[in-house]
């Protein structure tokens, strides 16, 4: 297997070029792209055969990165991240979105946010994923590597050939050792400290 620095460099270059990667996360195998690139995001919807009215979960390296792409980071979100010891996706009230059709690395692609403007972002508990986002310099999409409606693959060998052949770069399977094989919990947070558990 290639060394981790080479894998990171190749994956990041693919993301910067507008490509799609297949990679292990701290939860399950994911399809990823630059979350600020609308055309790349649309490729992911196409690969998954998924309705593009549905939002996507993003991965960020840390809260500083999150703060650059949402209108406000509620204090309750900071508290949750500080005490968290399991994969946790937080839904923030308002993502900062680029004007439609105008890619902008300082704003999210419109396709990754929900209809109400909220956006789900996770700071992964896996060094590889955090490093990937850090080296990219912006959030990346993390959606399960399956056709919409089909079972979520819990390991590389469960990923359909249709998915494997549709991506531009595949991270070596041995790196999945850091994955739990289970989806993250999802918590919606509000600016006044509200919390809603979407998925435990």
Protein backbone atom coordinates (compact mmCIF):
# COMPACT_ATOMS: atom_id res chain seq x y z
CA UNK A 1 0.00 0.00 0.00
CA UNK A 2 1.17 3.56 -0.68
CA UNK A 3 2.20 5.67 2.29
CA UNK A 4 -0.46 7.85 3.87
CA UNK A 5 1.03 11.14 2.63
CA UNK A 6 0.88 9.96 -0.97
CA UNK A 7 -2.71 8.76 -0.56
CA UNK A 8 -3.74 12.08 0.97
CA UNK A 9 -2.00 14.05 -1.78
CA UNK A 10 -3.65 12.00 -4.54
CA UNK A 11 -7.10 12.21 -2.94
CA UNK A 12 -6.84 15.97 -2.37
CA UNK A 13 -5.70 16.58 -5.95
CA UNK A 14 -8.68 14.59 -7.21
CA UNK A 15 -11.02 16.71 -5.07
CA UNK A 16 -9.44 19.96 -6.28
CA UNK A 17 -9.84 18.79 -9.88
CA UNK A 18 -13.59 18.36 -9.34
CA UNK A 19 -13.39 14.58 -9.06
CA UNK A 20 -15.17 12.09 -6.85
CA UNK A 21 -13.38 9.92 -4.30
CA UNK A 22 -14.43 6.70 -2.58
CA UNK A 23 -13.05 6.72 0.95
CA UNK A 24 -13.48 5.31 4.46
CA UNK A 25 -14.78 7.71 7.09
CA UNK A 26 -15.13 7.36 10.85
CA UNK A 27 -18.58 5.84 10.18
CA UNK A 28 -19.01 4.07 6.82
CA UNK A 29 -17.46 4.22 3.34
CA UNK A 30 -18.34 7.46 1.64
CA UNK A 31 -18.48 9.19 -1.70
CA UNK A 32 -16.71 12.51 -1.43
CA UNK A 33 -16.13 15.71 -3.37
CA UNK A 34 -15.30 19.35 -2.74
CA UNK A 35 -18.42 20.71 -1.02
CA UNK A 36 -17.92 24.12 -2.65
CA UNK A 37 -18.02 22.69 -6.20
CA UNK A 38 -21.61 22.48 -7.54
CA UNK A 39 -20.77 20.34 -10.56
CA UNK A 40 -18.89 17.81 -8.41
CA UNK A 41 -21.82 17.64 -5.99
CA UNK A 42 -24.20 16.99 -8.89
CA UNK A 43 -21.95 14.10 -9.99
CA UNK A 44 -22.45 12.49 -6.61
CA UNK A 45 -26.23 12.80 -6.88
CA UNK A 46 -25.98 11.18 -10.31
CA UNK A 47 -23.79 8.30 -9.08
CA UNK A 48 -26.17 7.60 -6.19
CA UNK A 49 -29.26 8.16 -8.36
CA UNK A 50 -30.46 10.37 -5.57
CA UNK A 51 -32.99 13.19 -5.57
CA UNK A 52 -31.00 16.42 -5.56
CA UNK A 53 -33.55 18.06 -3.26
CA UNK A 54 -31.94 16.12 -0.39
CA UNK A 55 -29.02 17.68 1.45
CA UNK A 56 -25.65 16.01 2.07
CA UNK A 57 -23.47 15.59 5.16
CA UNK A 58 -20.11 17.36 5.05
CA UNK A 59 -16.83 16.71 6.85
CA UNK A 60 -14.70 19.54 8.25
CA UNK A 61 -11.27 19.43 9.87
CA UNK A 62 -12.27 21.45 12.94
CA UNK A 63 -14.68 24.07 14.29
CA UNK A 64 -12.64 26.88 12.74
CA UNK A 65 -13.42 25.44 9.31
CA UNK A 66 -17.09 24.99 10.24
CA UNK A 67 -17.27 28.65 11.24
CA UNK A 68 -16.16 29.76 7.76
CA UNK A 69 -19.10 28.02 6.09
CA UNK A 70 -22.05 28.66 8.41
CA UNK A 71 -23.67 31.92 9.44
CA UNK A 72 -23.22 31.16 13.13
CA UNK A 73 -21.79 28.37 15.28
CA UNK A 74 -24.16 28.15 18.27
CA UNK A 75 -22.36 27.85 21.61
CA UNK A 76 -24.17 24.57 22.24
CA UNK A 77 -22.42 23.16 19.15
CA UNK A 78 -19.03 24.05 20.64
CA UNK A 79 -19.98 22.30 23.88
CA UNK A 80 -21.13 19.17 22.04
CA UNK A 81 -17.97 18.96 19.94
CA UNK A 82 -15.76 19.37 23.02
CA UNK A 83 -17.35 16.45 24.90
CA UNK A 84 -18.07 14.22 21.92
CA UNK A 85 -16.48 10.76 21.78
CA UNK A 86 -18.59 9.15 19.05
CA UNK A 87 -19.27 10.11 15.41
CA UNK A 88 -21.66 13.08 15.54
CA UNK A 89 -23.10 15.18 12.73
CA UNK A 90 -24.43 18.58 13.76
CA UNK A 91 -27.03 20.37 11.66
CA UNK A 92 -26.28 24.09 11.73
CA UNK A 93 -29.05 26.67 11.12
CA UNK A 94 -27.65 28.37 8.03
CA UNK A 95 -24.93 27.39 5.59
CA UNK A 96 -23.14 30.07 3.59
CA UNK A 97 -24.04 29.30 0.00
CA UNK A 98 -22.54 30.53 -3.27
CA UNK A 99 -24.66 32.15 -5.93
CA UNK A 100 -26.11 29.41 -8.10
CA UNK A 101 -23.82 28.41 -10.94
CA UNK A 102 -20.83 30.32 -9.56
CA UNK A 103 -18.33 28.03 -7.81
CA UNK A 104 -16.66 29.80 -4.92
CA UNK A 105 -14.31 28.07 -2.49
CA UNK A 106 -15.46 30.39 0.30
CA UNK A 107 -19.10 29.29 0.03
CA UNK A 108 -20.89 25.95 -0.08
CA UNK A 109 -22.50 24.59 -3.22
CA UNK A 110 -26.28 25.20 -3.03
CA UNK A 111 -26.86 21.47 -3.51
CA UNK A 112 -25.38 20.49 -0.12
CA UNK A 113 -27.79 22.49 2.05
CA UNK A 114 -31.36 21.61 2.98
CA UNK A 115 -34.38 23.55 1.74
CA UNK A 116 -34.46 25.50 5.01
CA UNK A 117 -30.82 26.56 4.53
CA UNK A 118 -29.42 24.28 7.24
CA UNK A 119 -26.35 22.13 6.69
CA UNK A 120 -25.06 18.98 8.38
CA UNK A 121 -21.35 18.96 9.21
CA UNK A 122 -19.26 16.43 11.13
CA UNK A 123 -15.74 16.78 12.50
CA UNK A 124 -14.65 13.17 12.04
CA UNK A 125 -12.97 11.15 14.76
CA UNK A 126 -10.56 9.72 12.20
CA UNK A 127 -7.21 11.34 11.49
CA UNK A 128 -7.29 10.50 7.78
CA UNK A 129 -10.61 12.30 7.22
CA UNK A 130 -9.64 15.35 9.27
CA UNK A 131 -6.34 15.55 7.38
CA UNK A 132 -8.19 15.24 4.07
CA UNK A 133 -10.43 18.22 4.88
CA UNK A 134 -7.51 20.20 6.31
CA UNK A 135 -5.33 19.69 3.23
CA UNK A 136 -8.23 20.43 0.88
CA UNK A 137 -8.80 23.62 2.87
CA UNK A 138 -12.59 23.36 2.80
CA UNK A 139 -15.32 20.88 3.70
CA UNK A 140 -15.88 17.76 1.65
CA UNK A 141 -19.05 15.81 1.01
CA UNK A 142 -19.49 12.54 2.89
CA UNK A 143 -22.46 10.49 1.72
CA UNK A 144 -22.71 6.72 2.01
CA UNK A 145 -21.25 4.79 -0.92
CA UNK A 146 -24.44 3.18 -2.16
CA UNK A 147 -27.21 3.67 -4.70
CA UNK A 148 -30.02 5.61 -3.03
CA UNK A 149 -32.45 3.25 -1.32
CA UNK A 150 -30.03 0.32 -1.22
CA UNK A 151 -28.30 -0.92 1.97
CA UNK A 152 -25.38 1.12 3.29
CA UNK A 153 -22.09 -0.76 2.84
CA UNK A 154 -20.31 -1.32 6.14
CA UNK A 155 -17.01 -2.39 4.55
CA UNK A 156 -15.25 -1.97 1.22
CA UNK A 157 -16.19 -5.45 0.02
CA UNK A 158 -19.89 -4.55 0.33
CA UNK A 159 -19.63 -1.60 -2.07
CA UNK A 160 -21.32 -2.25 -5.41
CA UNK A 161 -19.15 -2.41 -8.52
CA UNK A 162 -21.36 0.30 -10.07
CA UNK A 163 -20.19 2.69 -7.33
CA UNK A 164 -16.54 1.60 -7.45
CA UNK A 165 -16.30 2.11 -11.20
CA UNK A 166 -17.98 5.53 -11.14
CA UNK A 167 -15.41 7.35 -8.98
CA UNK A 168 -12.14 9.03 -9.94
CA UNK A 169 -10.05 7.85 -6.99
CA UNK A 170 -10.39 5.06 -4.43
CA UNK A 171 -8.61 5.22 -1.09
CA UNK A 172 -6.97 1.85 -0.27
CA UNK A 173 -9.32 -0.49 1.59
CA UNK A 174 -6.97 -1.18 4.56
CA UNK A 175 -7.56 2.37 5.79
CA UNK A 176 -11.12 1.39 6.75
CA UNK A 177 -9.71 0.11 10.06
CA UNK A 178 -10.71 3.46 11.58
CA UNK A 179 -14.37 3.15 10.57
CA UNK A 180 -17.11 2.08 12.98
CA UNK A 181 -19.30 0.68 10.18
CA UNK A 182 -22.29 2.53 11.63
CA UNK A 183 -23.90 5.88 10.67
CA UNK A 184 -23.27 8.86 12.96
CA UNK A 185 -25.72 10.33 15.40
CA UNK A 186 -27.37 13.48 14.04
CA UNK A 187 -28.21 16.47 16.22
CA UNK A 188 -29.85 19.69 15.05
CA UNK A 189 -28.69 22.77 16.96
CA UNK A 190 -30.24 26.22 17.18
CA UNK A 191 -28.72 29.63 17.83
CA UNK A 192 -30.56 29.92 21.15
CA UNK A 193 -29.21 26.60 22.42
CA UNK A 194 -31.99 24.36 21.11
CA UNK A 195 -31.18 20.70 20.50
CA UNK A 196 -33.15 18.17 18.47
CA UNK A 197 -31.98 14.58 18.23
CA UNK A 198 -32.56 13.49 14.62
CA UNK A 199 -30.77 10.12 14.87
CA UNK A 200 -29.26 8.52 17.97
